[in-house]
Amino acid sequence: YAGLILTHLVSAYLFSLVIIVYVA
C-alpha cells in the first residue's frame, strides 16, 4: 500500500475504496 502511494497517489485514493468494499 505504501508502494502504491509512492507510485501514484490518485490510484491509492481510488483503490482505498476497493479495499473497503473487499473487506466488507
mmCIF file of all heavy atoms, coordinates in Angstrom:
data_MODEL
# 
_entry.id   MODEL 
# 
loop_
_atom_site.group_PDB 
_atom_site.id 
_atom_site.type_symbol 
_atom_site.label_atom_id 
_atom_site.label_alt_id 
_atom_site.label_comp_id 
_atom_site.label_asym_id 
_atom_site.label_entity_id 
_atom_site.label_seq_id 
_atom_site.pdbx_PDB_ins_code 
_atom_site.Cartn_x 
_atom_site.Cartn_y 
_atom_site.Cartn_z 
_atom_site.occupancy 
_atom_site.B_iso_or_equiv 
_atom_site.pdbx_formal_charge 
_atom_site.auth_seq_id 
_atom_site.auth_comp_id 
_atom_site.auth_asym_id 
_atom_site.auth_atom_id 
_atom_site.pdbx_PDB_model_num 
ATOM 1   N N   . TYR A 1 1  ? 0.840   -1.204  0.000   1.00 0.00 ? 1  TYR A N   1 
ATOM 2   C CA  . TYR A 1 1  ? 0.000   0.000   0.000   1.00 0.00 ? 1  TYR A CA  1 
ATOM 3   C C   . TYR A 1 1  ? 0.877   1.256   0.000   1.00 0.00 ? 1  TYR A C   1 
ATOM 4   O O   . TYR A 1 1  ? 0.575   2.231   -0.697  1.00 0.00 ? 1  TYR A O   1 
ATOM 5   C CB  . TYR A 1 1  ? -0.922  0.000   1.216   1.00 0.00 ? 1  TYR A CB  1 
ATOM 6   C CG  . TYR A 1 1  ? -1.975  1.083   1.170   1.00 0.00 ? 1  TYR A CG  1 
ATOM 7   C CD1 . TYR A 1 1  ? -3.041  1.007   0.275   1.00 0.00 ? 1  TYR A CD1 1 
ATOM 8   C CD2 . TYR A 1 1  ? -1.897  2.195   2.002   1.00 0.00 ? 1  TYR A CD2 1 
ATOM 9   C CE1 . TYR A 1 1  ? -4.004  2.003   0.227   1.00 0.00 ? 1  TYR A CE1 1 
ATOM 10  C CE2 . TYR A 1 1  ? -2.858  3.199   1.959   1.00 0.00 ? 1  TYR A CE2 1 
ATOM 11  C CZ  . TYR A 1 1  ? -3.899  3.096   1.069   1.00 0.00 ? 1  TYR A CZ  1 
ATOM 12  O OH  . TYR A 1 1  ? -4.848  4.084   1.008   1.00 0.00 ? 1  TYR A OH  1 
ATOM 13  N N   . ALA A 1 2  ? 1.971   1.216   0.748   1.00 0.00 ? 2  ALA A N   1 
ATOM 14  C CA  . ALA A 1 2  ? 2.916   2.334   0.715   1.00 0.00 ? 2  ALA A CA  1 
ATOM 15  C C   . ALA A 1 2  ? 3.537   2.475   -0.670  1.00 0.00 ? 2  ALA A C   1 
ATOM 16  O O   . ALA A 1 2  ? 3.740   3.591   -1.169  1.00 0.00 ? 2  ALA A O   1 
ATOM 17  C CB  . ALA A 1 2  ? 4.007   2.134   1.760   1.00 0.00 ? 2  ALA A CB  1 
ATOM 18  N N   . GLY A 1 3  ? 3.821   1.329   -1.320  1.00 0.00 ? 3  GLY A N   1 
ATOM 19  C CA  . GLY A 1 3  ? 4.353   1.366   -2.679  1.00 0.00 ? 3  GLY A CA  1 
ATOM 20  C C   . GLY A 1 3  ? 3.373   2.014   -3.644  1.00 0.00 ? 3  GLY A C   1 
ATOM 21  O O   . GLY A 1 3  ? 3.776   2.775   -4.538  1.00 0.00 ? 3  GLY A O   1 
ATOM 22  N N   . LEU A 1 4  ? 2.080   1.721   -3.474  1.00 0.00 ? 4  LEU A N   1 
ATOM 23  C CA  . LEU A 1 4  ? 1.060   2.339   -4.325  1.00 0.00 ? 4  LEU A CA  1 
ATOM 24  C C   . LEU A 1 4  ? 1.007   3.845   -4.104  1.00 0.00 ? 4  LEU A C   1 
ATOM 25  O O   . LEU A 1 4  ? 0.910   4.626   -5.057  1.00 0.00 ? 4  LEU A O   1 
ATOM 26  C CB  . LEU A 1 4  ? -0.302  1.706   -4.038  1.00 0.00 ? 4  LEU A CB  1 
ATOM 27  C CG  . LEU A 1 4  ? -1.497  2.254   -4.826  1.00 0.00 ? 4  LEU A CG  1 
ATOM 28  C CD1 . LEU A 1 4  ? -1.282  2.127   -6.329  1.00 0.00 ? 4  LEU A CD1 1 
ATOM 29  C CD2 . LEU A 1 4  ? -2.788  1.553   -4.402  1.00 0.00 ? 4  LEU A CD2 1 
ATOM 30  N N   . ILE A 1 5  ? 1.085   4.280   -2.846  1.00 0.00 ? 5  ILE A N   1 
ATOM 31  C CA  . ILE A 1 5  ? 1.083   5.713   -2.546  1.00 0.00 ? 5  ILE A CA  1 
ATOM 32  C C   . ILE A 1 5  ? 2.293   6.400   -3.173  1.00 0.00 ? 5  ILE A C   1 
ATOM 33  O O   . ILE A 1 5  ? 2.190   7.485   -3.744  1.00 0.00 ? 5  ILE A O   1 
ATOM 34  C CB  . ILE A 1 5  ? 1.059   5.935   -1.018  1.00 0.00 ? 5  ILE A CB  1 
ATOM 35  C CG1 . ILE A 1 5  ? -0.279  5.483   -0.439  1.00 0.00 ? 5  ILE A CG1 1 
ATOM 36  C CG2 . ILE A 1 5  ? 1.314   7.403   -0.677  1.00 0.00 ? 5  ILE A CG2 1 
ATOM 37  C CD1 . ILE A 1 5  ? -0.330  5.506   1.073   1.00 0.00 ? 5  ILE A CD1 1 
ATOM 38  N N   . LEU A 1 6  ? 3.448   5.750   -3.088  1.00 0.00 ? 6  LEU A N   1 
ATOM 39  C CA  . LEU A 1 6  ? 4.673   6.328   -3.643  1.00 0.00 ? 6  LEU A CA  1 
ATOM 40  C C   . LEU A 1 6  ? 4.734   6.232   -5.160  1.00 0.00 ? 6  LEU A C   1 
ATOM 41  O O   . LEU A 1 6  ? 5.595   6.851   -5.786  1.00 0.00 ? 6  LEU A O   1 
ATOM 42  C CB  . LEU A 1 6  ? 5.902   5.635   -3.041  1.00 0.00 ? 6  LEU A CB  1 
ATOM 43  C CG  . LEU A 1 6  ? 6.161   5.910   -1.558  1.00 0.00 ? 6  LEU A CG  1 
ATOM 44  C CD1 . LEU A 1 6  ? 7.297   5.041   -1.044  1.00 0.00 ? 6  LEU A CD1 1 
ATOM 45  C CD2 . LEU A 1 6  ? 6.471   7.379   -1.333  1.00 0.00 ? 6  LEU A CD2 1 
ATOM 46  N N   . THR A 1 7  ? 3.815   5.433   -5.740  1.00 0.00 ? 7  THR A N   1 
ATOM 47  C CA  . THR A 1 7  ? 3.782   5.297   -7.197  1.00 0.00 ? 7  THR A CA  1 
ATOM 48  C C   . THR A 1 7  ? 2.805   6.266   -7.828  1.00 0.00 ? 7  THR A C   1 
ATOM 49  O O   . THR A 1 7  ? 3.135   6.980   -8.770  1.00 0.00 ? 7  THR A O   1 
ATOM 50  C CB  . THR A 1 7  ? 3.401   3.850   -7.589  1.00 0.00 ? 7  THR A CB  1 
ATOM 51  O OG1 . THR A 1 7  ? 4.369   2.957   -7.041  1.00 0.00 ? 7  THR A OG1 1 
ATOM 52  C CG2 . THR A 1 7  ? 3.351   3.692   -9.100  1.00 0.00 ? 7  THR A CG2 1 
ATOM 53  N N   . HIS A 1 8  ? 1.568   6.279   -7.311  1.00 0.00 ? 8  HIS A N   1 
ATOM 54  C CA  . HIS A 1 8  ? 0.540   7.133   -7.910  1.00 0.00 ? 8  HIS A CA  1 
ATOM 55  C C   . HIS A 1 8  ? -0.520  7.418   -6.854  1.00 0.00 ? 8  HIS A C   1 
ATOM 56  O O   . HIS A 1 8  ? -1.317  6.541   -6.508  1.00 0.00 ? 8  HIS A O   1 
ATOM 57  C CB  . HIS A 1 8  ? -0.081  6.451   -9.125  1.00 0.00 ? 8  HIS A CB  1 
ATOM 58  C CG  . HIS A 1 8  ? -0.836  7.386   -10.010 1.00 0.00 ? 8  HIS A CG  1 
ATOM 59  N ND1 . HIS A 1 8  ? -2.198  7.309   -10.183 1.00 0.00 ? 8  HIS A ND1 1 
ATOM 60  C CD2 . HIS A 1 8  ? -0.427  8.436   -10.771 1.00 0.00 ? 8  HIS A CD2 1 
ATOM 61  C CE1 . HIS A 1 8  ? -2.598  8.249   -11.018 1.00 0.00 ? 8  HIS A CE1 1 
ATOM 62  N NE2 . HIS A 1 8  ? -1.538  8.955   -11.387 1.00 0.00 ? 8  HIS A NE2 1 
ATOM 63  N N   . LEU A 1 9  ? -0.530  8.620   -6.344  1.00 0.00 ? 9  LEU A N   1 
ATOM 64  C CA  . LEU A 1 9  ? -1.365  8.970   -5.203  1.00 0.00 ? 9  LEU A CA  1 
ATOM 65  C C   . LEU A 1 9  ? -2.854  8.869   -5.517  1.00 0.00 ? 9  LEU A C   1 
ATOM 66  O O   . LEU A 1 9  ? -3.648  8.395   -4.696  1.00 0.00 ? 9  LEU A O   1 
ATOM 67  C CB  . LEU A 1 9  ? -1.022  10.379  -4.725  1.00 0.00 ? 9  LEU A CB  1 
ATOM 68  C CG  . LEU A 1 9  ? -1.546  10.796  -3.347  1.00 0.00 ? 9  LEU A CG  1 
ATOM 69  C CD1 . LEU A 1 9  ? -1.074  9.825   -2.281  1.00 0.00 ? 9  LEU A CD1 1 
ATOM 70  C CD2 . LEU A 1 9  ? -1.084  12.214  -3.018  1.00 0.00 ? 9  LEU A CD2 1 
ATOM 71  N N   . VAL A 1 10 ? -3.273  9.310   -6.698  1.00 0.00 ? 10 VAL A N   1 
ATOM 72  C CA  . VAL A 1 10 ? -4.694  9.249   -7.062  1.00 0.00 ? 10 VAL A CA  1 
ATOM 73  C C   . VAL A 1 10 ? -5.179  7.805   -7.095  1.00 0.00 ? 10 VAL A C   1 
ATOM 74  O O   . VAL A 1 10 ? -6.284  7.488   -6.622  1.00 0.00 ? 10 VAL A O   1 
ATOM 75  C CB  . VAL A 1 10 ? -4.930  9.943   -8.419  1.00 0.00 ? 10 VAL A CB  1 
ATOM 76  C CG1 . VAL A 1 10 ? -6.369  9.752   -8.871  1.00 0.00 ? 10 VAL A CG1 1 
ATOM 77  C CG2 . VAL A 1 10 ? -4.583  11.427  -8.328  1.00 0.00 ? 10 VAL A CG2 1 
ATOM 78  N N   . SER A 1 11 ? -4.367  6.907   -7.643  1.00 0.00 ? 11 SER A N   1 
ATOM 79  C CA  . SER A 1 11 ? -4.731  5.488   -7.670  1.00 0.00 ? 11 SER A CA  1 
ATOM 80  C C   . SER A 1 11 ? -4.870  4.934   -6.254  1.00 0.00 ? 11 SER A C   1 
ATOM 81  O O   . SER A 1 11 ? -5.734  4.095   -5.987  1.00 0.00 ? 11 SER A O   1 
ATOM 82  C CB  . SER A 1 11 ? -3.679  4.683   -8.436  1.00 0.00 ? 11 SER A CB  1 
ATOM 83  O OG  . SER A 1 11 ? -3.638  5.057   -9.794  1.00 0.00 ? 11 SER A OG  1 
ATOM 84  N N   . ALA A 1 12 ? -4.022  5.403   -5.348  1.00 0.00 ? 12 ALA A N   1 
ATOM 85  C CA  . ALA A 1 12 ? -4.115  4.956   -3.952  1.00 0.00 ? 12 ALA A CA  1 
ATOM 86  C C   . ALA A 1 12 ? -5.429  5.406   -3.321  1.00 0.00 ? 12 ALA A C   1 
ATOM 87  O O   . ALA A 1 12 ? -6.081  4.637   -2.596  1.00 0.00 ? 12 ALA A O   1 
ATOM 88  C CB  . ALA A 1 12 ? -2.932  5.496   -3.153  1.00 0.00 ? 12 ALA A CB  1 
ATOM 89  N N   . TYR A 1 13 ? -5.829  6.638   -3.589  1.00 0.00 ? 13 TYR A N   1 
ATOM 90  C CA  . TYR A 1 13 ? -7.112  7.122   -3.075  1.00 0.00 ? 13 TYR A CA  1 
ATOM 91  C C   . TYR A 1 13 ? -8.262  6.273   -3.610  1.00 0.00 ? 13 TYR A C   1 
ATOM 92  O O   . TYR A 1 13 ? -9.152  5.842   -2.854  1.00 0.00 ? 13 TYR A O   1 
ATOM 93  C CB  . TYR A 1 13 ? -7.339  8.576   -3.486  1.00 0.00 ? 13 TYR A CB  1 
ATOM 94  C CG  . TYR A 1 13 ? -6.492  9.577   -2.731  1.00 0.00 ? 13 TYR A CG  1 
ATOM 95  C CD1 . TYR A 1 13 ? -6.007  10.718  -3.367  1.00 0.00 ? 13 TYR A CD1 1 
ATOM 96  C CD2 . TYR A 1 13 ? -6.192  9.402   -1.384  1.00 0.00 ? 13 TYR A CD2 1 
ATOM 97  C CE1 . TYR A 1 13 ? -5.223  11.647  -2.683  1.00 0.00 ? 13 TYR A CE1 1 
ATOM 98  C CE2 . TYR A 1 13 ? -5.427  10.319  -0.692  1.00 0.00 ? 13 TYR A CE2 1 
ATOM 99  C CZ  . TYR A 1 13 ? -4.943  11.442  -1.349  1.00 0.00 ? 13 TYR A CZ  1 
ATOM 100 O OH  . TYR A 1 13 ? -4.183  12.350  -0.671  1.00 0.00 ? 13 TYR A OH  1 
ATOM 101 N N   . LEU A 1 14 ? -8.264  6.031   -4.912  1.00 0.00 ? 14 LEU A N   1 
ATOM 102 C CA  . LEU A 1 14 ? -9.350  5.283   -5.537  1.00 0.00 ? 14 LEU A CA  1 
ATOM 103 C C   . LEU A 1 14 ? -9.366  3.831   -5.075  1.00 0.00 ? 14 LEU A C   1 
ATOM 104 O O   . LEU A 1 14 ? -10.429 3.259   -4.808  1.00 0.00 ? 14 LEU A O   1 
ATOM 105 C CB  . LEU A 1 14 ? -9.225  5.354   -7.059  1.00 0.00 ? 14 LEU A CB  1 
ATOM 106 C CG  . LEU A 1 14 ? -9.405  6.740   -7.686  1.00 0.00 ? 14 LEU A CG  1 
ATOM 107 C CD1 . LEU A 1 14 ? -9.111  6.693   -9.186  1.00 0.00 ? 14 LEU A CD1 1 
ATOM 108 C CD2 . LEU A 1 14 ? -10.819 7.258   -7.446  1.00 0.00 ? 14 LEU A CD2 1 
ATOM 109 N N   . PHE A 1 15 ? -8.193  3.227   -4.968  1.00 0.00 ? 15 PHE A N   1 
ATOM 110 C CA  . PHE A 1 15 ? -8.146  1.805   -4.607  1.00 0.00 ? 15 PHE A CA  1 
ATOM 111 C C   . PHE A 1 15 ? -8.475  1.592   -3.141  1.00 0.00 ? 15 PHE A C   1 
ATOM 112 O O   . PHE A 1 15 ? -8.856  0.473   -2.747  1.00 0.00 ? 15 PHE A O   1 
ATOM 113 C CB  . PHE A 1 15 ? -6.767  1.217   -4.934  1.00 0.00 ? 15 PHE A CB  1 
ATOM 114 C CG  . PHE A 1 15 ? -6.758  -0.277  -5.041  1.00 0.00 ? 15 PHE A CG  1 
ATOM 115 C CD1 . PHE A 1 15 ? -7.386  -0.909  -6.107  1.00 0.00 ? 15 PHE A CD1 1 
ATOM 116 C CD2 . PHE A 1 15 ? -6.152  -1.057  -4.074  1.00 0.00 ? 15 PHE A CD2 1 
ATOM 117 C CE1 . PHE A 1 15 ? -7.402  -2.286  -6.213  1.00 0.00 ? 15 PHE A CE1 1 
ATOM 118 C CE2 . PHE A 1 15 ? -6.159  -2.434  -4.161  1.00 0.00 ? 15 PHE A CE2 1 
ATOM 119 C CZ  . PHE A 1 15 ? -6.784  -3.056  -5.236  1.00 0.00 ? 15 PHE A CZ  1 
ATOM 120 N N   . SER A 1 16 ? -8.344  2.618   -2.340  1.00 0.00 ? 16 SER A N   1 
ATOM 121 C CA  . SER A 1 16 ? -8.745  2.503   -0.931  1.00 0.00 ? 16 SER A CA  1 
ATOM 122 C C   . SER A 1 16 ? -10.222 2.137   -0.818  1.00 0.00 ? 16 SER A C   1 
ATOM 123 O O   . SER A 1 16 ? -10.627 1.387   0.077   1.00 0.00 ? 16 SER A O   1 
ATOM 124 C CB  . SER A 1 16 ? -8.469  3.810   -0.193  1.00 0.00 ? 16 SER A CB  1 
ATOM 125 O OG  . SER A 1 16 ? -7.089  4.101   -0.162  1.00 0.00 ? 16 SER A OG  1 
ATOM 126 N N   . LEU A 1 17 ? -11.037 2.658   -1.726  1.00 0.00 ? 17 LEU A N   1 
ATOM 127 C CA  . LEU A 1 17 ? -12.465 2.303   -1.735  1.00 0.00 ? 17 LEU A CA  1 
ATOM 128 C C   . LEU A 1 17 ? -12.645 0.827   -2.080  1.00 0.00 ? 17 LEU A C   1 
ATOM 129 O O   . LEU A 1 17 ? -13.517 0.153   -1.510  1.00 0.00 ? 17 LEU A O   1 
ATOM 130 C CB  . LEU A 1 17 ? -13.213 3.184   -2.741  1.00 0.00 ? 17 LEU A CB  1 
ATOM 131 C CG  . LEU A 1 17 ? -13.191 4.686   -2.470  1.00 0.00 ? 17 LEU A CG  1 
ATOM 132 C CD1 . LEU A 1 17 ? -13.872 5.439   -3.601  1.00 0.00 ? 17 LEU A CD1 1 
ATOM 133 C CD2 . LEU A 1 17 ? -13.859 5.000   -1.132  1.00 0.00 ? 17 LEU A CD2 1 
ATOM 134 N N   . VAL A 1 18 ? -11.831 0.322   -2.999  1.00 0.00 ? 18 VAL A N   1 
ATOM 135 C CA  . VAL A 1 18 ? -11.888 -1.100  -3.349  1.00 0.00 ? 18 VAL A CA  1 
ATOM 136 C C   . VAL A 1 18 ? -11.534 -1.957  -2.137  1.00 0.00 ? 18 VAL A C   1 
ATOM 137 O O   . VAL A 1 18 ? -12.171 -2.985  -1.870  1.00 0.00 ? 18 VAL A O   1 
ATOM 138 C CB  . VAL A 1 18 ? -10.930 -1.400  -4.518  1.00 0.00 ? 18 VAL A CB  1 
ATOM 139 C CG1 . VAL A 1 18 ? -10.900 -2.896  -4.826  1.00 0.00 ? 18 VAL A CG1 1 
ATOM 140 C CG2 . VAL A 1 18 ? -11.335 -0.614  -5.761  1.00 0.00 ? 18 VAL A CG2 1 
ATOM 141 N N   . ILE A 1 19 ? -10.524 -1.541  -1.393  1.00 0.00 ? 19 ILE A N   1 
ATOM 142 C CA  . ILE A 1 19 ? -10.110 -2.284  -0.200  1.00 0.00 ? 19 ILE A CA  1 
ATOM 143 C C   . ILE A 1 19 ? -11.256 -2.341  0.815   1.00 0.00 ? 19 ILE A C   1 
ATOM 144 O O   . ILE A 1 19 ? -11.542 -3.400  1.390   1.00 0.00 ? 19 ILE A O   1 
ATOM 145 C CB  . ILE A 1 19 ? -8.864  -1.633  0.428   1.00 0.00 ? 19 ILE A CB  1 
ATOM 146 C CG1 . ILE A 1 19 ? -7.668  -1.781  -0.512  1.00 0.00 ? 19 ILE A CG1 1 
ATOM 147 C CG2 . ILE A 1 19 ? -8.557  -2.260  1.784   1.00 0.00 ? 19 ILE A CG2 1 
ATOM 148 C CD1 . ILE A 1 19 ? -6.429  -1.041  -0.051  1.00 0.00 ? 19 ILE A CD1 1 
ATOM 149 N N   . ILE A 1 20 ? -11.918 -1.212  1.030   1.00 0.00 ? 20 ILE A N   1 
ATOM 150 C CA  . ILE A 1 20 ? -13.022 -1.162  1.995   1.00 0.00 ? 20 ILE A CA  1 
ATOM 151 C C   . ILE A 1 20 ? -14.154 -2.093  1.565   1.00 0.00 ? 20 ILE A C   1 
ATOM 152 O O   . ILE A 1 20 ? -14.690 -2.866  2.368   1.00 0.00 ? 20 ILE A O   1 
ATOM 153 C CB  . ILE A 1 20 ? -13.533 0.282   2.144   1.00 0.00 ? 20 ILE A CB  1 
ATOM 154 C CG1 . ILE A 1 20 ? -12.454 1.157   2.797   1.00 0.00 ? 20 ILE A CG1 1 
ATOM 155 C CG2 . ILE A 1 20 ? -14.816 0.327   2.959   1.00 0.00 ? 20 ILE A CG2 1 
ATOM 156 C CD1 . ILE A 1 20 ? -12.784 2.634   2.802   1.00 0.00 ? 20 ILE A CD1 1 
ATOM 157 N N   . VAL A 1 21 ? -14.531 -2.047  0.284   1.00 0.00 ? 21 VAL A N   1 
ATOM 158 C CA  . VAL A 1 21 ? -15.597 -2.910  -0.228  1.00 0.00 ? 21 VAL A CA  1 
ATOM 159 C C   . VAL A 1 21 ? -15.188 -4.377  -0.153  1.00 0.00 ? 21 VAL A C   1 
ATOM 160 O O   . VAL A 1 21 ? -15.994 -5.249  0.200   1.00 0.00 ? 21 VAL A O   1 
ATOM 161 C CB  . VAL A 1 21 ? -15.948 -2.510  -1.678  1.00 0.00 ? 21 VAL A CB  1 
ATOM 162 C CG1 . VAL A 1 21 ? -16.912 -3.515  -2.291  1.00 0.00 ? 21 VAL A CG1 1 
ATOM 163 C CG2 . VAL A 1 21 ? -16.550 -1.111  -1.710  1.00 0.00 ? 21 VAL A CG2 1 
ATOM 164 N N   . TYR A 1 22 ? -13.939 -4.662  -0.471  1.00 0.00 ? 22 TYR A N   1 
ATOM 165 C CA  . TYR A 1 22 ? -13.414 -6.030  -0.448  1.00 0.00 ? 22 TYR A CA  1 
ATOM 166 C C   . TYR A 1 22 ? -13.504 -6.619  0.959   1.00 0.00 ? 22 TYR A C   1 
ATOM 167 O O   . TYR A 1 22 ? -13.961 -7.748  1.151   1.00 0.00 ? 22 TYR A O   1 
ATOM 168 C CB  . TYR A 1 22 ? -11.968 -6.003  -0.932  1.00 0.00 ? 22 TYR A CB  1 
ATOM 169 C CG  . TYR A 1 22 ? -11.367 -7.353  -1.256  1.00 0.00 ? 22 TYR A CG  1 
ATOM 170 C CD1 . TYR A 1 22 ? -11.564 -7.943  -2.497  1.00 0.00 ? 22 TYR A CD1 1 
ATOM 171 C CD2 . TYR A 1 22 ? -10.572 -8.019  -0.326  1.00 0.00 ? 22 TYR A CD2 1 
ATOM 172 C CE1 . TYR A 1 22 ? -10.992 -9.167  -2.806  1.00 0.00 ? 22 TYR A CE1 1 
ATOM 173 C CE2 . TYR A 1 22 ? -10.004 -9.242  -0.619  1.00 0.00 ? 22 TYR A CE2 1 
ATOM 174 C CZ  . TYR A 1 22 ? -10.214 -9.811  -1.867  1.00 0.00 ? 22 TYR A CZ  1 
ATOM 175 O OH  . TYR A 1 22 ? -9.652  -11.031 -2.159  1.00 0.00 ? 22 TYR A OH  1 
ATOM 176 N N   . VAL A 1 23 ? -13.063 -5.837  1.947   1.00 0.00 ? 23 VAL A N   1 
ATOM 177 C CA  . VAL A 1 23 ? -13.117 -6.299  3.340   1.00 0.00 ? 23 VAL A CA  1 
ATOM 178 C C   . VAL A 1 23 ? -14.564 -6.463  3.790   1.00 0.00 ? 23 VAL A C   1 
ATOM 179 O O   . VAL A 1 23 ? -14.919 -7.463  4.431   1.00 0.00 ? 23 VAL A O   1 
ATOM 180 C CB  . VAL A 1 23 ? -12.366 -5.313  4.257   1.00 0.00 ? 23 VAL A CB  1 
ATOM 181 C CG1 . VAL A 1 23 ? -12.596 -5.674  5.723   1.00 0.00 ? 23 VAL A CG1 1 
ATOM 182 C CG2 . VAL A 1 23 ? -10.879 -5.309  3.945   1.00 0.00 ? 23 VAL A CG2 1 
ATOM 183 N N   . ALA A 1 24 ? -15.414 -5.495  3.462   1.00 0.00 ? 24 ALA A N   1 
ATOM 184 C CA  . ALA A 1 24 ? -16.816 -5.561  3.865   1.00 0.00 ? 24 ALA A CA  1 
ATOM 185 C C   . ALA A 1 24 ? -17.504 -6.786  3.269   1.00 0.00 ? 24 ALA A C   1 
ATOM 186 O O   . ALA A 1 24 ? -18.309 -7.453  3.936   1.00 0.00 ? 24 ALA A O   1 
ATOM 187 C CB  . ALA A 1 24 ? -17.540 -4.291  3.439   1.00 0.00 ? 24 ALA A CB  1 
# 
